Amino acid sequence: MSPNFLRAAVTALILAAPLPALAEGIEVHDAYARAASPIAKSGAAFMVIQNQGATEDDRLIGVASDIAQKVELHTHQDMGGGVMKMVHVEEGFEMPADGELRLERGGKHVMFMGLTRPMKQGESFDLTLTFEKAGDVTITVPVDLERKPEHGKGHMN
């Protein structure tokens, strides 16, 4: 292999590495999406959103993507007796000043209903997060069907 080929390959790998999304003090880390199976009609995305250096709270109020007919902010609600129900959170999620919002399995998350294409391991898609004050932040979300439920919790990648 020539040194130029190796240099080009390393550069391509570096450029392909996921970077945090930034806008108006908002940083998004460790985003990933998954569906239960290749024929699933729904899926979800998870991530850590930081409200860096902000002096006031913000709110995640909307999400949009062409990967599904409907994209919503959801959470799980304990109905008692060991029953959990997934609910749409129309008012969105608080983003504390200089704090973070965790979208994770079993809790707050982005829900995709009526997938327009299968979520395939290693592929990615664009997702636009809409904040009340910071505006729109568009990120590229990789599909990771192999990630275990606890992977990424408490860790920043």
C-alpha atoms as a PDB file:
ATOM      1  CA  MET A   1       0.000   0.000   0.000  1.00  0.00           C
ATOM      2  CA  SER A   2       1.217   3.441  -0.827  1.00  0.00           C
ATOM      3  CA  PRO A   3       1.603   6.114   1.866  1.00  0.00           C
ATOM      4  CA  ASN A   4      -0.909   8.304  -0.020  1.00  0.00           C
ATOM      5  CA  PHE A   5      -3.523   5.528   0.055  1.00  0.00           C
ATOM      6  CA  LEU A   6      -3.025   5.007   3.799  1.00  0.00           C
ATOM      7  CA  ARG A   7      -3.203   8.749   4.465  1.00  0.00           C
ATOM      8  CA  ALA A   8      -6.445   8.983   2.456  1.00  0.00           C
ATOM      9  CA  ALA A   9      -7.930   5.986   4.277  1.00  0.00           C
ATOM     10  CA  VAL A  10      -7.083   7.418   7.714  1.00  0.00           C
ATOM     11  CA  THR A  11      -8.514  10.819   6.720  1.00  0.00           C
ATOM     12  CA  ALA A  12     -11.741   9.166   5.539  1.00  0.00           C
ATOM     13  CA  LEU A  13     -12.079   7.308   8.850  1.00  0.00           C
ATOM     14  CA  ILE A  14     -11.530  10.478  10.860  1.00  0.00           C
ATOM     15  CA  LEU A  15     -14.101  12.402   8.814  1.00  0.00           C
ATOM     16  CA  ALA A  16     -16.642   9.584   9.154  1.00  0.00           C
ATOM     17  CA  ALA A  17     -16.396   9.497  12.973  1.00  0.00           C
ATOM     18  CA  PRO A  18     -19.531  10.861  14.656  1.00  0.00           C
ATOM     19  CA  LEU A  19     -19.024  14.298  16.136  1.00  0.00           C
ATOM     20  CA  PRO A  20     -21.257  16.055  18.616  1.00  0.00           C
ATOM     21  CA  ALA A  21     -23.868  18.301  17.015  1.00  0.00           C
ATOM     22  CA  LEU A  22     -23.639  21.942  18.081  1.00  0.00           C
ATOM     23  CA  ALA A  23     -26.059  24.878  17.878  1.00  0.00           C
ATOM     24  CA  GLU A  24     -26.647  27.774  20.237  1.00  0.00           C
ATOM     25  CA  GLY A  25     -24.971  25.955  23.131  1.00  0.00           C
ATOM     26  CA  ILE A  26     -26.724  22.646  22.422  1.00  0.00           C
ATOM     27  CA  GLU A  27     -24.490  19.578  22.085  1.00  0.00           C
ATOM     28  CA  VAL A  28     -25.774  16.120  21.184  1.00  0.00           C
ATOM     29  CA  HIS A  29     -23.676  13.076  22.073  1.00  0.00           C
ATOM     30  CA  ASP A  30     -23.911   9.308  21.717  1.00  0.00           C
ATOM     31  CA  ALA A  31     -26.988   9.281  19.463  1.00  0.00           C
ATOM     32  CA  TYR A  32     -28.181   5.971  18.072  1.00  0.00           C
ATOM     33  CA  ALA A  33     -31.413   4.424  16.806  1.00  0.00           C
ATOM     34  CA  ARG A  34     -32.843   0.958  16.701  1.00  0.00           C
ATOM     35  CA  ALA A  35     -35.882  -1.075  15.718  1.00  0.00           C
ATOM     36  CA  ALA A  36     -36.953  -4.430  17.139  1.00  0.00           C
ATOM     37  CA  SER A  37     -36.562  -6.237  13.795  1.00  0.00           C
ATOM     38  CA  PRO A  38     -35.916  -5.592  10.088  1.00  0.00           C
ATOM     39  CA  ILE A  39     -39.680  -5.635   9.420  1.00  0.00           C
ATOM     40  CA  ALA A  40     -40.650  -3.441  12.387  1.00  0.00           C
ATOM     41  CA  LYS A  41     -42.928  -0.497  11.647  1.00  0.00           C
ATOM     42  CA  SER A  42     -41.568   1.544  14.553  1.00  0.00           C
ATOM     43  CA  GLY A  43     -38.228   2.399  16.113  1.00  0.00           C
ATOM     44  CA  ALA A  44     -36.634   4.748  18.619  1.00  0.00           C
ATOM     45  CA  ALA A  45     -33.616   7.011  19.039  1.00  0.00           C
ATOM     46  CA  PHE A  46     -31.591   7.713  22.144  1.00  0.00           C
ATOM     47  CA  MET A  47     -28.932  10.325  22.962  1.00  0.00           C
ATOM     48  CA  VAL A  48     -27.534  12.735  25.514  1.00  0.00           C
ATOM     49  CA  ILE A  49     -28.294  16.417  24.885  1.00  0.00           C
ATOM     50  CA  GLN A  50     -26.297  19.053  26.752  1.00  0.00           C
ATOM     51  CA  ASN A  51     -27.332  22.681  27.190  1.00  0.00           C
ATOM     52  CA  GLN A  52     -23.741  23.949  27.371  1.00  0.00           C
ATOM     53  CA  GLY A  53     -22.962  27.319  28.894  1.00  0.00           C
ATOM     54  CA  ALA A  54     -26.564  28.452  28.788  1.00  0.00           C
ATOM     55  CA  THR A  55     -27.765  30.892  31.407  1.00  0.00           C
ATOM     56  CA  GLU A  56     -31.404  29.936  30.927  1.00  0.00           C
ATOM     57  CA  ASP A  57     -33.419  26.774  30.511  1.00  0.00           C
ATOM     58  CA  ASP A  58     -34.544  25.610  27.091  1.00  0.00           C
ATOM     59  CA  ARG A  59     -37.035  22.952  25.994  1.00  0.00           C
ATOM     60  CA  LEU A  60     -36.871  20.216  23.355  1.00  0.00           C
ATOM     61  CA  ILE A  61     -40.287  20.747  21.735  1.00  0.00           C
ATOM     62  CA  GLY A  62     -40.190  18.737  18.519  1.00  0.00           C
ATOM     63  CA  VAL A  63     -38.466  16.167  16.326  1.00  0.00           C
ATOM     64  CA  ALA A  64     -38.617  15.422  12.596  1.00  0.00           C
ATOM     65  CA  SER A  65     -37.132  12.888  10.181  1.00  0.00           C
ATOM     66  CA  ASP A  66     -37.986  11.347   6.840  1.00  0.00           C
ATOM     67  CA  ILE A  67     -37.361   7.846   8.230  1.00  0.00           C
ATOM     68  CA  ALA A  68     -40.928   7.678   9.574  1.00  0.00           C
ATOM     69  CA  GLN A  69     -44.391   8.974   8.836  1.00  0.00           C
ATOM     70  CA  LYS A  70     -44.691  10.211  12.419  1.00  0.00           C
ATOM     71  CA  VAL A  71     -41.890  11.262  14.804  1.00  0.00           C
ATOM     72  CA  GLU A  72     -42.676  12.165  18.420  1.00  0.00           C
ATOM     73  CA  LEU A  73     -41.125  12.686  21.831  1.00  0.00           C
ATOM     74  CA  HIS A  74     -42.165   9.846  24.150  1.00  0.00           C
ATOM     75  CA  THR A  75     -41.608   8.592  27.662  1.00  0.00           C
ATOM     76  CA  HIS A  76     -42.665   5.566  29.693  1.00  0.00           C
ATOM     77  CA  GLN A  77     -45.259   6.027  32.429  1.00  0.00           C
ATOM     78  CA  ASP A  78     -45.646   3.575  35.318  1.00  0.00           C
ATOM     79  CA  MET A  79     -49.278   2.453  35.381  1.00  0.00           C
ATOM     80  CA  GLY A  80     -48.774   0.354  38.535  1.00  0.00           C
ATOM     81  CA  GLY A  81     -48.737  -3.395  38.926  1.00  0.00           C
ATOM     82  CA  GLY A  82     -45.568  -3.686  36.842  1.00  0.00           C
ATOM     83  CA  VAL A  83     -47.243  -2.189  33.761  1.00  0.00           C
ATOM     84  CA  MET A  84     -45.443   0.518  31.799  1.00  0.00           C
ATOM     85  CA  LYS A  85     -47.178   2.572  29.125  1.00  0.00           C
ATOM     86  CA  MET A  86     -45.462   4.602  26.421  1.00  0.00           C
ATOM     87  CA  VAL A  87     -46.923   8.120  26.091  1.00  0.00           C
ATOM     88  CA  HIS A  88     -46.441  11.042  23.699  1.00  0.00           C
ATOM     89  CA  VAL A  89     -45.083  14.119  25.531  1.00  0.00           C
ATOM     90  CA  GLU A  90     -46.639  16.996  23.586  1.00  0.00           C
ATOM     91  CA  GLU A  91     -45.074  19.730  25.740  1.00  0.00           C
ATOM     92  CA  GLY A  92     -41.568  18.359  25.154  1.00  0.00           C
ATOM     93  CA  PHE A  93     -38.713  17.945  27.606  1.00  0.00           C
ATOM     94  CA  GLU A  94     -37.023  20.540  29.815  1.00  0.00           C
ATOM     95  CA  MET A  95     -33.381  21.347  29.068  1.00  0.00           C
ATOM     96  CA  PRO A  96     -31.913  22.820  32.260  1.00  0.00           C
ATOM     97  CA  ALA A  97     -29.431  25.677  31.903  1.00  0.00           C
ATOM     98  CA  ASP A  98     -25.911  24.252  31.833  1.00  0.00           C
ATOM     99  CA  GLY A  99     -27.395  20.750  32.239  1.00  0.00           C
ATOM    100  CA  GLU A 100     -28.299  17.696  30.206  1.00  0.00           C
ATOM    101  CA  LEU A 101     -31.240  15.690  28.987  1.00  0.00           C
ATOM    102  CA  ARG A 102     -30.850  11.926  28.601  1.00  0.00           C
ATOM    103  CA  LEU A 103     -33.005  10.138  26.066  1.00  0.00           C
ATOM    104  CA  GLU A 104     -32.561   6.453  26.904  1.00  0.00           C
ATOM    105  CA  ARG A 105     -34.260   3.079  26.789  1.00  0.00           C
ATOM    106  CA  GLY A 106     -37.049   2.708  29.305  1.00  0.00           C
ATOM    107  CA  GLY A 107     -37.381   6.486  29.644  1.00  0.00           C
ATOM    108  CA  LYS A 108     -37.551   9.571  27.467  1.00  0.00           C
ATOM    109  CA  HIS A 109     -36.852   8.881  23.788  1.00  0.00           C
ATOM    110  CA  VAL A 110     -37.619   9.814  20.189  1.00  0.00           C
ATOM    111  CA  MET A 111     -40.279   7.508  18.729  1.00  0.00           C
ATOM    112  CA  PHE A 112     -40.563   6.713  14.999  1.00  0.00           C
ATOM    113  CA  MET A 113     -43.931   5.337  13.850  1.00  0.00           C
ATOM    114  CA  GLY A 114     -44.620   4.121  10.331  1.00  0.00           C
ATOM    115  CA  LEU A 115     -41.006   3.638   9.270  1.00  0.00           C
ATOM    116  CA  THR A 116     -40.525   4.599   5.623  1.00  0.00           C
ATOM    117  CA  ARG A 117     -37.579   2.216   5.296  1.00  0.00           C
ATOM    118  CA  PRO A 118     -36.039  -0.484   7.494  1.00  0.00           C
ATOM    119  CA  MET A 119     -33.492   0.496  10.136  1.00  0.00           C
ATOM    120  CA  LYS A 120     -30.428  -1.472   9.032  1.00  0.00           C
ATOM    121  CA  GLN A 121     -27.319  -1.988  11.141  1.00  0.00           C
ATOM    122  CA  GLY A 122     -24.605   0.516  10.222  1.00  0.00           C
ATOM    123  CA  GLU A 123     -26.834   2.860   8.219  1.00  0.00           C
ATOM    124  CA  SER A 124     -27.793   6.339   9.395  1.00  0.00           C
ATOM    125  CA  PHE A 125     -30.424   9.026   8.874  1.00  0.00           C
ATOM    126  CA  ASP A 126     -30.948  12.693   9.675  1.00  0.00           C
ATOM    127  CA  LEU A 127     -33.008  13.802  12.669  1.00  0.00           C
ATOM    128  CA  THR A 128     -33.945  17.408  13.405  1.00  0.00           C
ATOM    129  CA  LEU A 129     -34.384  18.363  17.053  1.00  0.00           C
ATOM    130  CA  THR A 130     -36.365  21.569  17.621  1.00  0.00           C
ATOM    131  CA  PHE A 131     -35.666  23.611  20.734  1.00  0.00           C
ATOM    132  CA  GLU A 132     -37.829  26.440  22.020  1.00  0.00           C
ATOM    133  CA  LYS A 133     -34.911  28.901  22.226  1.00  0.00           C
ATOM    134  CA  ALA A 134     -31.951  27.329  20.396  1.00  0.00           C
ATOM    135  CA  GLY A 135     -34.013  26.472  17.294  1.00  0.00           C
ATOM    136  CA  ASP A 136     -33.339  23.498  15.046  1.00  0.00           C
ATOM    137  CA  VAL A 137     -30.382  21.161  15.412  1.00  0.00           C
ATOM    138  CA  THR A 138     -30.003  18.485  12.722  1.00  0.00           C
ATOM    139  CA  ILE A 139     -27.935  15.434  13.583  1.00  0.00           C
ATOM    140  CA  THR A 140     -27.016  12.224  11.782  1.00  0.00           C
ATOM    141  CA  VAL A 141     -28.150   9.222  13.801  1.00  0.00           C
ATOM    142  CA  PRO A 142     -26.445   5.864  13.264  1.00  0.00           C
ATOM    143  CA  VAL A 143     -28.538   2.697  13.457  1.00  0.00           C
ATOM    144  CA  ASP A 144     -27.106   0.354  16.095  1.00  0.00           C
ATOM    145  CA  LEU A 145     -29.184  -2.792  16.469  1.00  0.00           C
ATOM    146  CA  GLU A 146     -26.489  -4.526  18.516  1.00  0.00           C
ATOM    147  CA  ARG A 147     -26.194  -2.046  21.402  1.00  0.00           C
ATOM    148  CA  LYS A 148     -27.177  -3.490  24.755  1.00  0.00           C
ATOM    149  CA  PRO A 149     -29.744  -1.619  26.892  1.00  0.00           C
ATOM    150  CA  GLU A 150     -27.196  -0.380  29.455  1.00  0.00           C
ATOM    151  CA  HIS A 151     -24.516   0.575  26.910  1.00  0.00           C
ATOM    152  CA  GLY A 152     -23.828   4.289  26.951  1.00  0.00           C
ATOM    153  CA  LYS A 153     -25.648   5.061  30.210  1.00  0.00           C
ATOM    154  CA  GLY A 154     -23.531   7.433  32.211  1.00  0.00           C
ATOM    155  CA  HIS A 155     -20.826   7.585  29.541  1.00  0.00           C
ATOM    156  CA  MET A 156     -20.033  10.294  27.046  1.00  0.00           C
ATOM    157  CA  ASN A 157     -18.621   9.040  23.723  1.00  0.00           C
END
